[in-house]
């Protein structure tokens, strides 16, 4: 098969996608999403790159960074218009990236999550905090990634100060319940093709309530419960994602979804679990896609 990886980074995940795909006999090309441009018409929609029309791919593996979500999902929509199989669709990526939208999707499917509130007017700050409950509280930018833009407010006064600061920056944010019993730990469940193929427990660096590996956290393999597995699967399904990293907190009232990541990295979870996650992704692609026939020249 001919497969394109939409990625701007030459990191572990991108390299693994190329290495594993080529080892299986596929042609794998890495394409910088921002260098794609599109011909949008009813007769022959096309994607161009560096002055040339891109060939017909059997599958697209999107690895779209948060900073280019609107443009990246537009490129994916163009491939969808052409009829190319995309591991994750544009709609699911768009919904999962906006934390407010994502929590509304989770709520609509009755999927457990921390109590969350959102408001635009400064007059509603007190009411906003009251909807979530007593401090400590989390104040989180809508498009935060890797733990950036996520603040723990220990008191109501601190929460008000953080909210005022974010409003001063004209930033969109939400206020969220802090699950104390999680104790700075969360669980990343890697979902591929409707199955939890691996899970790891992430623990924050000393003194940090955030468990992101990019912020110095550590990870180890963990056995999850049936309820946690079902929650992760329902969350990935809610966004229509073939590949997703679902982050859960263990609370006294059951698992709560923190985030559904449409572009999870492979390095941390492959090293923590020893599993060939990228190989499992190719298993899904190979099961779902029939390669385009190679046209032979008449001679």
C-alpha atoms as a PDB file:
ATOM      1  CA  UNK A   1       0.000   0.000   0.000  1.00  0.00           C
ATOM      2  CA  UNK A   2       0.952   3.628  -0.410  1.00  0.00           C
ATOM      3  CA  UNK A   3       0.528   5.477   2.878  1.00  0.00           C
ATOM      4  CA  UNK A   4       1.049   9.131   3.820  1.00  0.00           C
ATOM      5  CA  UNK A   5       1.901  10.303   7.330  1.00  0.00           C
ATOM      6  CA  UNK A   6       0.831  13.921   7.832  1.00  0.00           C
ATOM      7  CA  UNK A   7       3.474  15.211  10.210  1.00  0.00           C
ATOM      8  CA  UNK A   8       5.730  18.236  10.644  1.00  0.00           C
ATOM      9  CA  UNK A   9       8.034  16.535  13.166  1.00  0.00           C
ATOM     10  CA  UNK A  10      10.841  14.050  12.674  1.00  0.00           C
ATOM     11  CA  UNK A  11      10.250  12.457  16.077  1.00  0.00           C
ATOM     12  CA  UNK A  12       9.968   8.915  17.490  1.00  0.00           C
ATOM     13  CA  UNK A  13       6.339   8.456  16.434  1.00  0.00           C
ATOM     14  CA  UNK A  14       6.884   9.590  12.851  1.00  0.00           C
ATOM     15  CA  UNK A  15      10.041   7.489  12.456  1.00  0.00           C
ATOM     16  CA  UNK A  16       8.288   4.397  13.837  1.00  0.00           C
ATOM     17  CA  UNK A  17       5.396   4.838  11.409  1.00  0.00           C
ATOM     18  CA  UNK A  18       7.865   4.880   8.513  1.00  0.00           C
ATOM     19  CA  UNK A  19      10.069   2.028   9.760  1.00  0.00           C
ATOM     20  CA  UNK A  20       7.231  -0.359  10.631  1.00  0.00           C
ATOM     21  CA  UNK A  21       5.272   0.427   7.467  1.00  0.00           C
ATOM     22  CA  UNK A  22       8.257  -0.117   5.193  1.00  0.00           C
ATOM     23  CA  UNK A  23       9.178  -3.325   7.017  1.00  0.00           C
ATOM     24  CA  UNK A  24       5.697  -4.588   6.101  1.00  0.00           C
ATOM     25  CA  UNK A  25       6.267  -3.787   2.433  1.00  0.00           C
ATOM     26  CA  UNK A  26       4.331  -0.521   2.260  1.00  0.00           C
ATOM     27  CA  UNK A  27       5.493   2.739   0.710  1.00  0.00           C
ATOM     28  CA  UNK A  28       5.310   5.335   3.498  1.00  0.00           C
ATOM     29  CA  UNK A  29       5.778   9.045   2.779  1.00  0.00           C
ATOM     30  CA  UNK A  30       5.989  11.793   5.404  1.00  0.00           C
ATOM     31  CA  UNK A  31       4.213  14.973   4.303  1.00  0.00           C
ATOM     32  CA  UNK A  32       4.485  18.357   6.011  1.00  0.00           C
ATOM     33  CA  UNK A  33       0.824  19.305   6.426  1.00  0.00           C
ATOM     34  CA  UNK A  34       1.420  23.051   6.127  1.00  0.00           C
ATOM     35  CA  UNK A  35       3.088  22.622   2.733  1.00  0.00           C
ATOM     36  CA  UNK A  36      -0.008  20.994   1.252  1.00  0.00           C
ATOM     37  CA  UNK A  37      -2.345  23.131  -0.837  1.00  0.00           C
ATOM     38  CA  UNK A  38      -5.633  22.210  -2.402  1.00  0.00           C
ATOM     39  CA  UNK A  39      -7.655  22.491  -5.583  1.00  0.00           C
ATOM     40  CA  UNK A  40     -11.275  22.487  -4.430  1.00  0.00           C
ATOM     41  CA  UNK A  41     -13.773  21.743  -7.172  1.00  0.00           C
ATOM     42  CA  UNK A  42     -16.583  19.313  -7.940  1.00  0.00           C
ATOM     43  CA  UNK A  43     -14.914  17.479 -10.812  1.00  0.00           C
ATOM     44  CA  UNK A  44     -11.433  16.606  -9.507  1.00  0.00           C
ATOM     45  CA  UNK A  45     -10.559  17.728  -5.976  1.00  0.00           C
ATOM     46  CA  UNK A  46      -6.795  17.477  -5.492  1.00  0.00           C
ATOM     47  CA  UNK A  47      -4.043  17.927  -2.925  1.00  0.00           C
ATOM     48  CA  UNK A  48      -0.778  19.492  -4.110  1.00  0.00           C
ATOM     49  CA  UNK A  49       2.642  19.552  -2.460  1.00  0.00           C
ATOM     50  CA  UNK A  50       5.815  21.376  -3.453  1.00  0.00           C
ATOM     51  CA  UNK A  51       4.479  22.221  -6.888  1.00  0.00           C
ATOM     52  CA  UNK A  52       3.111  18.780  -7.738  1.00  0.00           C
ATOM     53  CA  UNK A  53      -0.211  16.992  -7.363  1.00  0.00           C
ATOM     54  CA  UNK A  54       0.045  14.287  -4.728  1.00  0.00           C
ATOM     55  CA  UNK A  55      -0.605  10.715  -5.894  1.00  0.00           C
ATOM     56  CA  UNK A  56      -3.564   8.644  -4.768  1.00  0.00           C
ATOM     57  CA  UNK A  57      -2.819   7.183  -1.308  1.00  0.00           C
ATOM     58  CA  UNK A  58      -4.416   4.073   0.120  1.00  0.00           C
ATOM     59  CA  UNK A  59      -4.410   5.508   3.646  1.00  0.00           C
ATOM     60  CA  UNK A  60      -3.579   8.667   5.578  1.00  0.00           C
ATOM     61  CA  UNK A  61      -2.186   8.661   9.137  1.00  0.00           C
ATOM     62  CA  UNK A  62      -2.754  12.175  10.535  1.00  0.00           C
ATOM     63  CA  UNK A  63      -0.372  13.534  13.156  1.00  0.00           C
ATOM     64  CA  UNK A  64      -1.674  17.083  13.286  1.00  0.00           C
ATOM     65  CA  UNK A  65      -0.130  19.433  15.861  1.00  0.00           C
ATOM     66  CA  UNK A  66      -2.459  21.568  17.988  1.00  0.00           C
ATOM     67  CA  UNK A  67      -1.044  24.805  16.544  1.00  0.00           C
ATOM     68  CA  UNK A  68      -2.242  23.939  13.015  1.00  0.00           C
ATOM     69  CA  UNK A  69      -5.515  22.152  13.783  1.00  0.00           C
ATOM     70  CA  UNK A  70      -7.740  24.270  11.462  1.00  0.00           C
ATOM     71  CA  UNK A  71      -5.418  23.963   8.451  1.00  0.00           C
ATOM     72  CA  UNK A  72      -4.525  20.342   9.197  1.00  0.00           C
ATOM     73  CA  UNK A  73      -8.150  19.247   9.397  1.00  0.00           C
ATOM     74  CA  UNK A  74      -8.877  21.114   6.148  1.00  0.00           C
ATOM     75  CA  UNK A  75      -6.188  19.013   4.450  1.00  0.00           C
ATOM     76  CA  UNK A  76      -7.679  15.840   5.936  1.00  0.00           C
ATOM     77  CA  UNK A  77     -11.155  16.872   4.710  1.00  0.00           C
ATOM     78  CA  UNK A  78      -9.701  17.170   1.231  1.00  0.00           C
ATOM     79  CA  UNK A  79      -8.366  13.612   1.402  1.00  0.00           C
ATOM     80  CA  UNK A  80     -11.760  12.495   2.719  1.00  0.00           C
ATOM     81  CA  UNK A  81     -13.424  14.194  -0.271  1.00  0.00           C
ATOM     82  CA  UNK A  82     -11.152  12.238  -2.600  1.00  0.00           C
ATOM     83  CA  UNK A  83     -12.176   9.033  -0.797  1.00  0.00           C
ATOM     84  CA  UNK A  84      -8.869   8.226   0.932  1.00  0.00           C
ATOM     85  CA  UNK A  85      -9.084   6.174   4.137  1.00  0.00           C
ATOM     86  CA  UNK A  86      -8.031   8.350   7.090  1.00  0.00           C
ATOM     87  CA  UNK A  87      -7.158   6.667  10.383  1.00  0.00           C
ATOM     88  CA  UNK A  88      -8.733   9.645  12.181  1.00  0.00           C
ATOM     89  CA  UNK A  89     -11.281  11.851  10.461  1.00  0.00           C
ATOM     90  CA  UNK A  90     -11.324  15.640  10.407  1.00  0.00           C
ATOM     91  CA  UNK A  91     -14.508  15.949  12.490  1.00  0.00           C
ATOM     92  CA  UNK A  92     -13.173  13.801  15.333  1.00  0.00           C
ATOM     93  CA  UNK A  93      -9.857  15.663  15.447  1.00  0.00           C
ATOM     94  CA  UNK A  94     -11.618  19.044  15.470  1.00  0.00           C
ATOM     95  CA  UNK A  95     -13.997  18.081  18.281  1.00  0.00           C
ATOM     96  CA  UNK A  96     -11.319  16.472  20.456  1.00  0.00           C
ATOM     97  CA  UNK A  97      -8.922  19.434  20.177  1.00  0.00           C
ATOM     98  CA  UNK A  98     -11.370  21.996  21.575  1.00  0.00           C
ATOM     99  CA  UNK A  99     -11.671  21.042  25.244  1.00  0.00           C
ATOM    100  CA  UNK A 100     -15.090  22.687  25.648  1.00  0.00           C
ATOM    101  CA  UNK A 101     -16.455  20.921  22.562  1.00  0.00           C
ATOM    102  CA  UNK A 102     -14.865  17.658  23.692  1.00  0.00           C
ATOM    103  CA  UNK A 103     -16.477  17.770  27.136  1.00  0.00           C
ATOM    104  CA  UNK A 104     -19.851  18.559  25.566  1.00  0.00           C
ATOM    105  CA  UNK A 105     -19.456  15.464  23.362  1.00  0.00           C
ATOM    106  CA  UNK A 106     -18.536  13.337  26.405  1.00  0.00           C
ATOM    107  CA  UNK A 107     -21.497  14.713  28.377  1.00  0.00           C
ATOM    108  CA  UNK A 108     -23.886  13.970  25.519  1.00  0.00           C
ATOM    109  CA  UNK A 109     -22.792  10.311  25.636  1.00  0.00           C
ATOM    110  CA  UNK A 110     -23.073  10.127  29.468  1.00  0.00           C
ATOM    111  CA  UNK A 111     -19.348   9.421  29.782  1.00  0.00           C
ATOM    112  CA  UNK A 112     -17.842  10.171  33.196  1.00  0.00           C
ATOM    113  CA  UNK A 113     -15.679  13.302  33.439  1.00  0.00           C
ATOM    114  CA  UNK A 114     -14.750  15.925  36.043  1.00  0.00           C
ATOM    115  CA  UNK A 115     -17.466  18.548  36.589  1.00  0.00           C
ATOM    116  CA  UNK A 116     -16.733  21.339  34.117  1.00  0.00           C
ATOM    117  CA  UNK A 117     -18.008  24.904  33.658  1.00  0.00           C
ATOM    118  CA  UNK A 118     -17.555  27.641  31.061  1.00  0.00           C
ATOM    119  CA  UNK A 119     -18.550  31.311  30.874  1.00  0.00           C
ATOM    120  CA  UNK A 120     -17.550  34.409  28.934  1.00  0.00           C
ATOM    121  CA  UNK A 121     -18.660  37.326  31.116  1.00  0.00           C
ATOM    122  CA  UNK A 122     -16.527  38.575  34.049  1.00  0.00           C
ATOM    123  CA  UNK A 123     -19.798  39.030  35.959  1.00  0.00           C
ATOM    124  CA  UNK A 124     -20.169  35.233  36.024  1.00  0.00           C
ATOM    125  CA  UNK A 125     -16.833  34.392  37.664  1.00  0.00           C
ATOM    126  CA  UNK A 126     -18.344  33.636  41.061  1.00  0.00           C
ATOM    127  CA  UNK A 127     -21.153  31.577  39.544  1.00  0.00           C
ATOM    128  CA  UNK A 128     -18.673  29.756  37.323  1.00  0.00           C
ATOM    129  CA  UNK A 129     -16.598  28.654  40.312  1.00  0.00           C
ATOM    130  CA  UNK A 130     -19.752  27.741  42.222  1.00  0.00           C
ATOM    131  CA  UNK A 131     -20.893  25.373  39.460  1.00  0.00           C
ATOM    132  CA  UNK A 132     -17.735  23.299  39.850  1.00  0.00           C
ATOM    133  CA  UNK A 133     -17.592  23.206  43.644  1.00  0.00           C
ATOM    134  CA  UNK A 134     -15.114  24.076  46.328  1.00  0.00           C
ATOM    135  CA  UNK A 135     -11.413  24.718  45.813  1.00  0.00           C
ATOM    136  CA  UNK A 136      -8.942  23.469  44.796  1.00  0.00           C
ATOM    137  CA  UNK A 137      -9.986  23.856  41.157  1.00  0.00           C
ATOM    138  CA  UNK A 138      -8.393  23.459  37.742  1.00  0.00           C
ATOM    139  CA  UNK A 139      -8.408  26.370  35.283  1.00  0.00           C
ATOM    140  CA  UNK A 140      -7.541  25.168  31.796  1.00  0.00           C
ATOM    141  CA  UNK A 141      -7.079  26.817  28.409  1.00  0.00           C
ATOM    142  CA  UNK A 142      -9.384  25.288  25.782  1.00  0.00           C
ATOM    143  CA  UNK A 143      -6.498  24.382  23.483  1.00  0.00           C
ATOM    144  CA  UNK A 144      -3.879  23.464  26.080  1.00  0.00           C
ATOM    145  CA  UNK A 145      -1.554  20.565  25.248  1.00  0.00           C
ATOM    146  CA  UNK A 146       1.082  18.589  27.145  1.00  0.00           C
ATOM    147  CA  UNK A 147       0.003  20.209  30.425  1.00  0.00           C
ATOM    148  CA  UNK A 148       0.663  23.768  29.215  1.00  0.00           C
ATOM    149  CA  UNK A 149      -2.047  26.291  30.127  1.00  0.00           C
ATOM    150  CA  UNK A 150      -3.371  24.118  32.986  1.00  0.00           C
ATOM    151  CA  UNK A 151      -3.340  25.762  36.421  1.00  0.00           C
ATOM    152  CA  UNK A 152      -4.244  24.377  39.851  1.00  0.00           C
ATOM    153  CA  UNK A 153      -5.947  27.028  41.990  1.00  0.00           C
ATOM    154  CA  UNK A 154      -5.704  26.034  45.657  1.00  0.00           C
ATOM    155  CA  UNK A 155      -8.315  28.571  46.855  1.00  0.00           C
ATOM    156  CA  UNK A 156     -11.323  30.409  45.485  1.00  0.00           C
ATOM    157  CA  UNK A 157      -9.330  33.647  45.571  1.00  0.00           C
ATOM    158  CA  UNK A 158      -6.529  32.037  43.564  1.00  0.00           C
ATOM    159  CA  UNK A 159      -9.076  30.731  41.035  1.00  0.00           C
ATOM    160  CA  UNK A 160     -10.511  34.224  40.619  1.00  0.00           C
ATOM    161  CA  UNK A 161      -7.005  35.628  40.033  1.00  0.00           C
ATOM    162  CA  UNK A 162      -6.167  33.006  37.382  1.00  0.00           C
ATOM    163  CA  UNK A 163      -9.522  33.570  35.645  1.00  0.00           C
ATOM    164  CA  UNK A 164      -8.930  37.335  35.611  1.00  0.00           C
ATOM    165  CA  UNK A 165      -5.451  36.796  34.151  1.00  0.00           C
ATOM    166  CA  UNK A 166      -6.740  34.510  31.380  1.00  0.00           C
ATOM    167  CA  UNK A 167      -9.536  36.974  30.591  1.00  0.00           C
ATOM    168  CA  UNK A 168      -6.952  39.770  30.418  1.00  0.00           C
ATOM    169  CA  UNK A 169      -5.170  37.748  27.734  1.00  0.00           C
ATOM    170  CA  UNK A 170      -8.494  37.216  25.898  1.00  0.00           C
ATOM    171  CA  UNK A 171      -7.953  33.493  26.292  1.00  0.00           C
ATOM    172  CA  UNK A 172     -10.767  30.937  26.249  1.00  0.00           C
ATOM    173  CA  UNK A 173     -10.721  28.619  29.245  1.00  0.00           C
ATOM    174  CA  UNK A 174     -12.829  26.327  31.376  1.00  0.00           C
ATOM    175  CA  UNK A 175     -12.973  25.629  35.103  1.00  0.00           C
ATOM    176  CA  UNK A 176     -12.902  22.026  36.242  1.00  0.00           C
ATOM    177  CA  UNK A 177     -13.238  19.914  39.356  1.00  0.00           C
ATOM    178  CA  UNK A 178      -9.920  18.788  40.865  1.00  0.00           C
ATOM    179  CA  UNK A 179     -10.021  15.053  41.607  1.00  0.00           C
ATOM    180  CA  UNK A 180      -7.906  14.906  44.770  1.00  0.00           C
ATOM    181  CA  UNK A 181      -7.908  11.122  45.111  1.00  0.00           C
ATOM    182  CA  UNK A 182      -6.129  10.781  41.728  1.00  0.00           C
ATOM    183  CA  UNK A 183      -3.049  12.106  43.579  1.00  0.00           C
ATOM    184  CA  UNK A 184      -1.235  13.423  40.512  1.00  0.00           C
ATOM    185  CA  UNK A 185      -1.714  10.212  38.518  1.00  0.00           C
ATOM    186  CA  UNK A 186      -3.733   9.405  35.441  1.00  0.00           C
ATOM    187  CA  UNK A 187      -4.122   6.448  33.102  1.00  0.00           C
ATOM    188  CA  UNK A 188      -3.491   6.645  29.364  1.00  0.00           C
ATOM    189  CA  UNK A 189      -5.462   4.035  27.429  1.00  0.00           C
ATOM    190  CA  UNK A 190      -4.387   3.591  23.821  1.00  0.00           C
ATOM    191  CA  UNK A 191      -7.395   2.666  21.688  1.00  0.00           C
ATOM    192  CA  UNK A 192      -6.948   1.271  18.183  1.00  0.00           C
ATOM    193  CA  UNK A 193      -9.800  -0.013  16.036  1.00  0.00           C
ATOM    194  CA  UNK A 194     -12.253  -0.283  18.938  1.00  0.00           C
ATOM    195  CA  UNK A 195      -9.883  -2.056  21.335  1.00  0.00           C
ATOM    196  CA  UNK A 196      -7.728  -0.884  24.247  1.00  0.00           C
ATOM    197  CA  UNK A 197      -4.389  -2.278  23.059  1.00  0.00           C
ATOM    198  CA  UNK A 198      -2.237  -0.848  25.877  1.00  0.00           C
ATOM    199  CA  UNK A 199      -2.523   1.195  29.044  1.00  0.00           C
ATOM    200  CA  UNK A 200      -0.051   2.943  31.312  1.00  0.00           C
ATOM    201  CA  UNK A 201      -0.178   4.860  34.569  1.00  0.00           C
ATOM    202  CA  UNK A 202       1.476   8.276  34.408  1.00  0.00           C
ATOM    203  CA  UNK A 203       2.735   9.937  37.580  1.00  0.00           C
ATOM    204  CA  UNK A 204       3.634  13.615  37.757  1.00  0.00           C
ATOM    205  CA  UNK A 205       7.058  14.895  38.719  1.00  0.00           C
ATOM    206  CA  UNK A 206       7.454  15.637  42.422  1.00  0.00           C
ATOM    207  CA  UNK A 207       5.355  18.661  43.380  1.00  0.00           C
ATOM    208  CA  UNK A 208       3.465  18.733  40.045  1.00  0.00           C
ATOM    209  CA  UNK A 209      -0.210  17.742  39.805  1.00  0.00           C
ATOM    210  CA  UNK A 210       0.134  17.214  36.035  1.00  0.00           C
ATOM    211  CA  UNK A 211       1.205  13.756  34.935  1.00  0.00           C
ATOM    212  CA  UNK A 212       2.317  14.589  31.364  1.00  0.00           C
ATOM    213  CA  UNK A 213       5.519  12.809  30.334  1.00  0.00           C
ATOM    214  CA  UNK A 214       6.588  15.989  28.518  1.00  0.00           C
ATOM    215  CA  UNK A 215       6.682  17.713  31.907  1.00  0.00           C
ATOM    216  CA  UNK A 216       8.961  15.191  33.588  1.00  0.00           C
ATOM    217  CA  UNK A 217       6.352  12.621  34.600  1.00  0.00           C
ATOM    218  CA  UNK A 218       7.029   8.888  34.621  1.00  0.00           C
ATOM    219  CA  UNK A 219       5.053   5.957  33.262  1.00  0.00           C
ATOM    220  CA  UNK A 220       4.604   2.256  33.930  1.00  0.00           C
ATOM    221  CA  UNK A 221       2.254  -0.406  32.657  1.00  0.00           C
ATOM    222  CA  UNK A 222      -1.005  -0.800  34.575  1.00  0.00           C
ATOM    223  CA  UNK A 223      -3.894  -3.248  34.667  1.00  0.00           C
ATOM    224  CA  UNK A 224      -7.189  -1.463  34.082  1.00  0.00           C
ATOM    225  CA  UNK A 225     -10.668  -2.463  35.226  1.00  0.00           C
ATOM    226  CA  UNK A 226     -13.533  -3.434  32.931  1.00  0.00           C
ATOM    227  CA  UNK A 227     -15.231  -0.118  33.722  1.00  0.00           C
ATOM    228  CA  UNK A 228     -12.098   1.805  32.766  1.00  0.00           C
ATOM    229  CA  UNK A 229     -11.759  -0.178  29.549  1.00  0.00           C
ATOM    230  CA  UNK A 230     -15.395   0.412  28.623  1.00  0.00           C
ATOM    231  CA  UNK A 231     -15.080   4.124  29.387  1.00  0.00           C
ATOM    232  CA  UNK A 232     -12.006   4.482  27.164  1.00  0.00           C
ATOM    233  CA  UNK A 233     -13.711   2.659  24.295  1.00  0.00           C
ATOM    234  CA  UNK A 234     -16.881   4.736  24.580  1.00  0.00           C
ATOM    235  CA  UNK A 235     -14.830   7.940  24.625  1.00  0.00           C
ATOM    236  CA  UNK A 236     -12.876   7.046  21.466  1.00  0.00           C
ATOM    237  CA  UNK A 237     -16.111   5.938  19.772  1.00  0.00           C
ATOM    238  CA  UNK A 238     -17.834   9.227  20.681  1.00  0.00           C
ATOM    239  CA  UNK A 239     -15.361  11.073  18.449  1.00  0.00           C
ATOM    240  CA  UNK A 240     -15.225   8.415  15.733  1.00  0.00           C
ATOM    241  CA  UNK A 241     -11.464   7.963  16.183  1.00  0.00           C
ATOM    242  CA  UNK A 242      -9.701   4.849  14.907  1.00  0.00           C
ATOM    243  CA  UNK A 243      -6.671   5.733  17.037  1.00  0.00           C
ATOM    244  CA  UNK A 244      -6.915   7.639  20.314  1.00  0.00           C
ATOM    245  CA  UNK A 245      -5.175   8.179  23.612  1.00  0.00           C
ATOM    246  CA  UNK A 246      -7.857   8.390  26.308  1.00  0.00           C
ATOM    247  CA  UNK A 247      -6.691   9.882  29.601  1.00  0.00           C
ATOM    248  CA  UNK A 248      -8.609   8.764  32.696  1.00  0.00           C
ATOM    249  CA  UNK A 249      -8.575   9.706  36.359  1.00  0.00           C
ATOM    250  CA  UNK A 250      -9.439   7.148  39.014  1.00  0.00           C
ATOM    251  CA  UNK A 251     -12.013   8.791  41.287  1.00  0.00           C
ATOM    252  CA  UNK A 252     -14.220   7.628  44.147  1.00  0.00           C
ATOM    253  CA  UNK A 253     -17.181   7.654  41.763  1.00  0.00           C
ATOM    254  CA  UNK A 254     -15.511   5.745  38.916  1.00  0.00           C
ATOM    255  CA  UNK A 255     -13.261   6.633  35.966  1.00  0.00           C
ATOM    256  CA  UNK A 256     -13.415  10.192  34.674  1.00  0.00           C
ATOM    257  CA  UNK A 257     -12.155  11.159  31.213  1.00  0.00           C
ATOM    258  CA  UNK A 258      -9.724  14.081  31.233  1.00  0.00           C
ATOM    259  CA  UNK A 259      -8.958  14.165  27.540  1.00  0.00           C
ATOM    260  CA  UNK A 260      -9.295  12.271  24.277  1.00  0.00           C
ATOM    261  CA  UNK A 261      -6.082  12.759  22.290  1.00  0.00           C
ATOM    262  CA  UNK A 262      -6.490  12.241  18.547  1.00  0.00           C
ATOM    263  CA  UNK A 263      -2.720  12.290  17.940  1.00  0.00           C
ATOM    264  CA  UNK A 264      -1.156  10.350  20.824  1.00  0.00           C
ATOM    265  CA  UNK A 265       2.581   9.755  20.802  1.00  0.00           C
ATOM    266  CA  UNK A 266       3.887   6.192  20.692  1.00  0.00           C
ATOM    267  CA  UNK A 267       7.206   6.505  22.495  1.00  0.00           C
ATOM    268  CA  UNK A 268       6.028   6.635  26.113  1.00  0.00           C
ATOM    269  CA  UNK A 269       3.481   3.846  25.869  1.00  0.00           C
ATOM    270  CA  UNK A 270       5.648   1.523  23.727  1.00  0.00           C
ATOM    271  CA  UNK A 271       8.534   1.852  26.172  1.00  0.00           C
ATOM    272  CA  UNK A 272       6.299   1.490  29.245  1.00  0.00           C
ATOM    273  CA  UNK A 273       4.419  -1.570  27.982  1.00  0.00           C
ATOM    274  CA  UNK A 274       6.913  -3.166  25.579  1.00  0.00           C
ATOM    275  CA  UNK A 275       4.153  -3.511  22.972  1.00  0.00           C
ATOM    276  CA  UNK A 276       4.391  -2.857  19.240  1.00  0.00           C
ATOM    277  CA  UNK A 277       1.624  -0.241  19.131  1.00  0.00           C
ATOM    278  CA  UNK A 278       2.538   0.998  15.644  1.00  0.00           C
ATOM    279  CA  UNK A 279       2.326  -2.569  14.344  1.00  0.00           C
ATOM    280  CA  UNK A 280      -1.207  -2.788  15.741  1.00  0.00           C
ATOM    281  CA  UNK A 281      -2.085   0.425  13.909  1.00  0.00           C
ATOM    282  CA  UNK A 282      -0.909  -1.117  10.643  1.00  0.00           C
ATOM    283  CA  UNK A 283      -2.948  -4.239  11.433  1.00  0.00           C
ATOM    284  CA  UNK A 284      -6.028  -1.987  11.428  1.00  0.00           C
ATOM    285  CA  UNK A 285      -5.072  -0.224   8.196  1.00  0.00           C
ATOM    286  CA  UNK A 286      -4.344  -3.509   6.411  1.00  0.00           C
ATOM    287  CA  UNK A 287      -7.656  -4.986   7.572  1.00  0.00           C
ATOM    288  CA  UNK A 288      -9.699  -1.989   6.461  1.00  0.00           C
ATOM    289  CA  UNK A 289      -8.066  -0.888   3.207  1.00  0.00           C
ATOM    290  CA  UNK A 290      -7.797  -2.605  -0.133  1.00  0.00           C
ATOM    291  CA  UNK A 291      -4.709  -1.359  -1.992  1.00  0.00           C
ATOM    292  CA  UNK A 292      -5.312   0.575  -5.187  1.00  0.00           C
ATOM    293  CA  UNK A 293      -4.459  -1.549  -8.239  1.00  0.00           C
ATOM    294  CA  UNK A 294      -1.206  -0.602  -9.931  1.00  0.00           C
ATOM    295  CA  UNK A 295      -1.822   0.513 -13.485  1.00  0.00           C
ATOM    296  CA  UNK A 296       0.423  -1.227 -15.967  1.00  0.00           C
ATOM    297  CA  UNK A 297       1.635   0.601 -19.017  1.00  0.00           C
ATOM    298  CA  UNK A 298       0.733  -0.930 -22.314  1.00  0.00           C
ATOM    299  CA  UNK A 299       3.854  -1.874 -24.152  1.00  0.00           C
END
